[in-house]
């Protein structure tokens, strides 16, 4: 019987210690649930351990083949460029290893069910037809990634009976949270629930909640509530394994129809065909480069 490929979880990283620990706990729980499988996880930036350490851990356990799954809701620069480039670099560091690469997690029906549950927790029986939801994503300079958040919002609206589901972003993209709440109010919303489209707690979900509270204080005529993040739910654990199994089978369905690295979208023509560059992690001992944030390096996708 052949040994199945190991599972490598690739996270974004956060300056929030609780958020980083939530990721590490999640990786440990996956390992506990699947003792037949070597499981490790690391971050692209900001938090330890770096992805390179996770690969080295697997190699140290005798792993030669693994499937990498990005623990991310949308396919932005990290999933399209940074992680593939980092994996290519690890292949150079560890000759003889091979890997397949999975796709991001959302919008998946099981995660939409978790989002619905988060809404129910704060609605406490309120008639959904009176509630407008503001789904708040991370935000990206990649229009395809932002469109994925809009897709999740539409799928959450369909068939669930809310008055509406609007979309906003906490960084890098418009509308921001206050503008999203303004839009809900202009559309006639009297009850709004702000729903963070994030897997775990962190700096950005905290910012969403803070901006929501500030807006609510300035608009006492509107009832505003904040829902929780998705969290380490059984649905999320199962979905990661589903993405792992897709990658192992070679059944990959990455959305490349509107990828800025393949298609010349208006305003992003300069990104087509850019070479992949690793996203250097500050804790990775294998380099001596400074870390540059999103404006200072290219998220890229070579073909």
Protein backbone atom coordinates (compact mmCIF):
# COMPACT_ATOMS: atom_id res chain seq x y z
CA UNK A 1 0.00 0.00 0.00
CA UNK A 2 1.45 3.37 -1.03
CA UNK A 3 1.69 6.11 1.58
CA UNK A 4 -0.68 9.00 0.80
CA UNK A 5 0.91 12.41 0.16
CA UNK A 6 1.29 14.61 3.24
CA UNK A 7 -0.89 17.70 3.76
CA UNK A 8 0.72 21.15 3.86
CA UNK A 9 -1.53 24.03 4.96
CA UNK A 10 -0.49 27.48 3.71
CA UNK A 11 -1.77 30.43 5.74
CA UNK A 12 -1.66 34.16 5.10
CA UNK A 13 -0.29 35.30 8.46
CA UNK A 14 -1.42 37.96 10.93
CA UNK A 15 0.14 40.27 13.49
CA UNK A 16 -2.56 39.11 15.91
CA UNK A 17 -1.20 36.40 18.22
CA UNK A 18 -4.63 34.88 18.85
CA UNK A 19 -5.31 34.66 15.12
CA UNK A 20 -1.96 33.00 14.43
CA UNK A 21 -2.52 30.54 17.28
CA UNK A 22 -6.00 29.75 15.89
CA UNK A 23 -4.32 28.72 12.62
CA UNK A 24 -1.74 26.59 14.44
CA UNK A 25 -4.51 24.95 16.52
CA UNK A 26 -6.42 24.23 13.33
CA UNK A 27 -3.39 22.50 11.78
CA UNK A 28 -2.91 20.43 14.95
CA UNK A 29 -6.60 19.43 14.94
CA UNK A 30 -6.34 18.29 11.31
CA UNK A 31 -3.37 16.16 12.32
CA UNK A 32 -5.33 14.64 15.21
CA UNK A 33 -8.28 13.86 12.94
CA UNK A 34 -6.07 12.23 10.31
CA UNK A 35 -3.34 10.26 12.11
CA UNK A 36 -2.66 8.36 8.88
CA UNK A 37 -1.44 11.60 7.28
CA UNK A 38 1.57 13.80 8.05
CA UNK A 39 0.13 17.34 8.43
CA UNK A 40 2.06 20.61 8.79
CA UNK A 41 1.25 24.29 8.29
CA UNK A 42 3.06 27.58 7.86
CA UNK A 43 2.55 31.21 6.90
CA UNK A 44 3.53 33.32 3.91
CA UNK A 45 4.14 36.42 6.04
CA UNK A 46 3.86 38.07 9.46
CA UNK A 47 3.53 34.98 11.70
CA UNK A 48 5.71 32.00 12.63
CA UNK A 49 6.27 29.40 11.41
CA UNK A 50 7.12 30.33 7.81
CA UNK A 51 5.95 27.96 5.10
CA UNK A 52 9.55 26.84 4.52
CA UNK A 53 9.77 25.56 8.11
CA UNK A 54 6.59 23.53 7.61
CA UNK A 55 8.03 21.92 4.46
CA UNK A 56 11.30 21.20 6.31
CA UNK A 57 9.29 19.58 9.12
CA UNK A 58 7.56 17.26 6.65
CA UNK A 59 10.83 16.42 4.92
CA UNK A 60 12.33 15.65 8.33
CA UNK A 61 9.50 13.18 8.89
CA UNK A 62 10.46 11.36 5.70
CA UNK A 63 7.87 12.98 3.42
CA UNK A 64 8.72 13.13 -0.28
CA UNK A 65 5.26 13.97 -1.68
CA UNK A 66 2.69 16.41 -0.36
CA UNK A 67 -0.40 18.34 -1.38
CA UNK A 68 -0.49 22.04 -0.43
CA UNK A 69 -3.84 23.67 0.38
CA UNK A 70 -4.08 27.47 0.76
CA UNK A 71 -6.14 28.20 3.88
CA UNK A 72 -7.67 31.24 2.20
CA UNK A 73 -11.20 32.14 1.18
CA UNK A 74 -10.35 33.80 -2.13
CA UNK A 75 -7.66 33.44 -4.76
CA UNK A 76 -5.68 36.67 -4.61
CA UNK A 77 -1.96 37.36 -5.00
CA UNK A 78 -0.91 35.02 -2.20
CA UNK A 79 -2.74 31.99 -3.58
CA UNK A 80 -1.95 32.78 -7.23
CA UNK A 81 1.67 33.84 -6.93
CA UNK A 82 3.35 33.84 -3.54
CA UNK A 83 2.53 30.30 -2.45
CA UNK A 84 3.36 28.65 -5.81
CA UNK A 85 6.62 30.61 -5.89
CA UNK A 86 7.44 29.62 -2.31
CA UNK A 87 6.72 25.96 -3.10
CA UNK A 88 8.98 26.13 -6.16
CA UNK A 89 11.72 27.53 -3.92
CA UNK A 90 11.23 24.68 -1.41
CA UNK A 91 11.59 22.16 -4.22
CA UNK A 92 15.02 23.66 -4.94
CA UNK A 93 15.93 23.52 -1.25
CA UNK A 94 14.80 19.89 -0.90
CA UNK A 95 15.69 18.03 -4.13
CA UNK A 96 13.52 15.00 -4.73
CA UNK A 97 10.28 16.28 -3.19
CA UNK A 98 7.16 16.65 -5.31
CA UNK A 99 3.87 18.38 -4.60
CA UNK A 100 0.47 19.25 -5.99
CA UNK A 101 -1.30 22.50 -5.23
CA UNK A 102 -4.93 22.79 -4.18
CA UNK A 103 -7.34 25.66 -4.59
CA UNK A 104 -8.69 28.20 -2.07
CA UNK A 105 -11.71 27.36 0.05
CA UNK A 106 -14.59 29.61 -0.87
CA UNK A 107 -17.26 30.32 -1.66
CA UNK A 108 -18.29 26.76 -0.75
CA UNK A 109 -21.82 25.74 0.29
CA UNK A 110 -20.61 24.36 3.63
CA UNK A 111 -18.94 27.69 4.48
CA UNK A 112 -22.08 29.57 3.46
CA UNK A 113 -23.93 27.40 5.99
CA UNK A 114 -21.45 28.47 8.69
CA UNK A 115 -21.95 32.13 7.71
CA UNK A 116 -25.72 31.61 8.00
CA UNK A 117 -25.17 30.15 11.48
CA UNK A 118 -23.08 33.18 12.50
CA UNK A 119 -25.96 35.41 11.41
CA UNK A 120 -28.51 33.35 13.34
CA UNK A 121 -26.38 33.70 16.49
CA UNK A 122 -26.80 37.48 16.48
CA UNK A 123 -30.28 37.71 14.95
CA UNK A 124 -31.82 35.71 17.83
CA UNK A 125 -35.05 35.01 15.96
CA UNK A 126 -35.39 38.37 14.19
CA UNK A 127 -37.33 38.03 10.92
CA UNK A 128 -34.69 37.68 8.19
CA UNK A 129 -36.79 39.69 5.75
CA UNK A 130 -36.11 42.75 7.93
CA UNK A 131 -32.34 42.24 7.98
CA UNK A 132 -29.70 43.48 5.55
CA UNK A 133 -26.33 41.75 5.76
CA UNK A 134 -23.04 43.50 5.01
CA UNK A 135 -20.46 40.84 4.12
CA UNK A 136 -16.98 42.30 4.69
CA UNK A 137 -14.01 40.74 2.92
CA UNK A 138 -10.29 41.34 3.40
CA UNK A 139 -9.96 43.35 0.18
CA UNK A 140 -7.33 42.98 -2.52
CA UNK A 141 -5.71 44.80 -5.41
CA UNK A 142 -6.81 41.77 -7.49
CA UNK A 143 -10.29 42.40 -8.98
CA UNK A 144 -10.88 38.65 -9.35
CA UNK A 145 -10.44 38.17 -5.59
CA UNK A 146 -12.84 41.01 -4.80
CA UNK A 147 -15.36 39.54 -7.24
CA UNK A 148 -15.22 36.26 -5.31
CA UNK A 149 -16.45 38.08 -2.19
CA UNK A 150 -19.36 39.48 -4.20
CA UNK A 151 -20.08 35.94 -5.41
CA UNK A 152 -20.17 34.71 -1.80
CA UNK A 153 -22.55 37.55 -0.91
CA UNK A 154 -24.91 36.67 -3.74
CA UNK A 155 -24.86 32.97 -2.87
CA UNK A 156 -25.60 33.85 0.77
CA UNK A 157 -28.56 35.98 -0.32
CA UNK A 158 -30.11 33.41 -2.66
CA UNK A 159 -32.84 31.38 -0.97
CA UNK A 160 -32.13 32.43 2.61
CA UNK A 161 -34.69 35.19 2.94
CA UNK A 162 -32.56 38.18 3.96
CA UNK A 163 -33.67 41.63 2.80
CA UNK A 164 -30.33 41.90 1.01
CA UNK A 165 -26.66 41.07 1.24
CA UNK A 166 -24.27 43.91 0.41
CA UNK A 167 -20.47 43.77 0.17
CA UNK A 168 -17.63 45.85 1.61
CA UNK A 169 -13.88 45.47 2.22
CA UNK A 170 -11.68 46.36 5.17
CA UNK A 171 -8.54 47.14 3.13
CA UNK A 172 -7.23 47.82 -0.39
CA UNK A 173 -10.65 47.90 -2.10
CA UNK A 174 -13.84 49.97 -2.13
CA UNK A 175 -16.35 50.27 -0.61
CA UNK A 176 -14.87 50.35 2.88
CA UNK A 177 -16.95 49.37 5.92
CA UNK A 178 -18.47 52.82 6.66
CA UNK A 179 -19.32 53.28 2.96
CA UNK A 180 -20.89 49.82 2.88
CA UNK A 181 -23.02 50.66 5.90
CA UNK A 182 -23.99 53.99 4.27
CA UNK A 183 -25.11 52.05 1.20
CA UNK A 184 -27.23 49.68 3.29
CA UNK A 185 -28.89 52.65 5.00
CA UNK A 186 -29.53 54.43 1.67
CA UNK A 187 -31.19 51.26 0.41
CA UNK A 188 -33.60 51.53 3.34
CA UNK A 189 -32.04 49.10 5.82
CA UNK A 190 -33.13 49.60 9.43
CA UNK A 191 -31.47 46.44 10.75
CA UNK A 192 -27.97 45.55 9.57
CA UNK A 193 -25.71 42.68 10.54
CA UNK A 194 -22.04 43.10 9.63
CA UNK A 195 -20.62 39.66 8.79
CA UNK A 196 -16.80 39.35 8.55
CA UNK A 197 -15.73 37.03 5.71
CA UNK A 198 -12.67 35.77 7.59
CA UNK A 199 -11.62 32.35 8.79
CA UNK A 200 -10.11 33.36 12.14
CA UNK A 201 -9.82 36.32 14.49
CA UNK A 202 -7.13 38.90 13.74
CA UNK A 203 -6.25 42.54 13.24
CA UNK A 204 -8.58 43.01 10.26
CA UNK A 205 -11.73 41.38 11.75
CA UNK A 206 -11.12 43.50 14.88
CA UNK A 207 -10.95 46.58 12.63
CA UNK A 208 -14.24 45.60 10.99
CA UNK A 209 -15.93 45.39 14.39
CA UNK A 210 -14.45 48.69 15.57
CA UNK A 211 -15.49 50.55 12.41
CA UNK A 212 -18.96 49.01 12.68
CA UNK A 213 -19.32 50.23 16.28
CA UNK A 214 -18.16 53.73 15.32
CA UNK A 215 -20.67 53.91 12.47
CA UNK A 216 -23.48 52.58 14.67
CA UNK A 217 -22.75 55.20 17.34
CA UNK A 218 -23.11 57.93 14.71
CA UNK A 219 -26.36 56.43 13.32
CA UNK A 220 -28.55 55.57 16.33
CA UNK A 221 -31.62 55.33 14.10
CA UNK A 222 -30.22 52.10 12.57
CA UNK A 223 -29.86 48.84 14.52
CA UNK A 224 -26.42 47.37 13.78
CA UNK A 225 -24.99 44.10 15.05
CA UNK A 226 -21.65 42.37 14.46
CA UNK A 227 -21.40 38.64 13.71
CA UNK A 228 -18.40 36.39 14.40
CA UNK A 229 -15.77 34.99 12.03
CA UNK A 230 -16.12 31.51 10.50
CA UNK A 231 -13.78 29.84 13.00
CA UNK A 232 -12.44 26.26 13.21
CA UNK A 233 -15.80 24.61 12.51
CA UNK A 234 -16.15 20.96 11.44
CA UNK A 235 -17.24 22.21 8.00
CA UNK A 236 -13.92 24.02 7.60
CA UNK A 237 -11.91 20.96 8.65
CA UNK A 238 -13.87 18.81 6.19
CA UNK A 239 -13.48 21.34 3.38
CA UNK A 240 -9.69 21.44 3.75
CA UNK A 241 -9.66 17.66 3.38
CA UNK A 242 -11.89 17.97 0.31
CA UNK A 243 -9.40 20.41 -1.23
CA UNK A 244 -6.55 18.04 -0.28
CA UNK A 245 -8.25 15.11 -1.98
CA UNK A 246 -8.91 17.19 -5.12
CA UNK A 247 -5.22 18.10 -5.27
CA UNK A 248 -4.12 14.48 -4.79
CA UNK A 249 -6.48 13.30 -7.54
CA UNK A 250 -5.40 16.12 -9.83
CA UNK A 251 -9.00 17.39 -9.96
CA UNK A 252 -8.11 21.07 -9.81
CA UNK A 253 -10.59 23.74 -10.85
CA UNK A 254 -8.76 26.99 -10.24
CA UNK A 255 -10.60 29.99 -11.68
CA UNK A 256 -8.34 31.42 -14.37
CA UNK A 257 -11.03 33.04 -16.52
CA UNK A 258 -10.59 36.43 -14.89
CA UNK A 259 -7.04 36.14 -13.57
CA UNK A 260 -5.04 39.38 -13.98
CA UNK A 261 -1.92 37.30 -14.65
CA UNK A 262 -3.54 35.64 -17.68
CA UNK A 263 -6.13 38.11 -18.99
CA UNK A 264 -5.63 41.82 -19.76
CA UNK A 265 -8.31 43.34 -17.53
CA UNK A 266 -8.84 47.13 -17.74
CA UNK A 267 -6.30 48.90 -15.54
CA UNK A 268 -4.31 45.73 -14.85
CA UNK A 269 -2.77 45.09 -18.27
CA UNK A 270 0.78 45.32 -16.87
CA UNK A 271 0.28 42.18 -14.73
CA UNK A 272 -0.18 39.71 -17.60
CA UNK A 273 2.55 37.09 -17.62
CA UNK A 274 4.53 38.46 -14.70
CA UNK A 275 7.08 35.94 -13.37
CA UNK A 276 6.44 34.37 -9.98
CA UNK A 277 8.49 35.73 -7.12
CA UNK A 278 8.62 34.17 -3.64
CA UNK A 279 7.07 36.24 -0.87
CA UNK A 280 9.97 36.36 1.59
CA UNK A 281 8.94 35.56 5.15
CA UNK A 282 10.81 37.56 7.82
CA UNK A 283 11.36 34.41 9.93
CA UNK A 284 12.68 32.30 7.06
CA UNK A 285 16.37 31.61 7.64
CA UNK A 286 16.95 30.91 3.96
CA UNK A 287 17.16 34.56 2.87
CA UNK A 288 18.30 37.99 3.94
CA UNK A 289 15.79 40.21 2.18
CA UNK A 290 13.64 42.87 3.76
CA UNK A 291 9.90 42.34 3.77
CA UNK A 292 7.92 44.57 1.46
CA UNK A 293 4.17 44.89 1.80
CA UNK A 294 1.63 44.72 -0.95
CA UNK A 295 2.57 47.94 -2.70
CA UNK A 296 6.25 47.09 -2.85
CA UNK A 297 6.38 43.73 -4.59
CA UNK A 298 4.58 41.97 -7.35
CA UNK A 299 2.13 39.18 -6.66
CA UNK A 300 2.72 37.17 -9.80
CA UNK A 301 1.82 34.16 -11.84
CA UNK A 302 4.24 32.82 -14.44
CA UNK A 303 3.23 30.44 -17.21
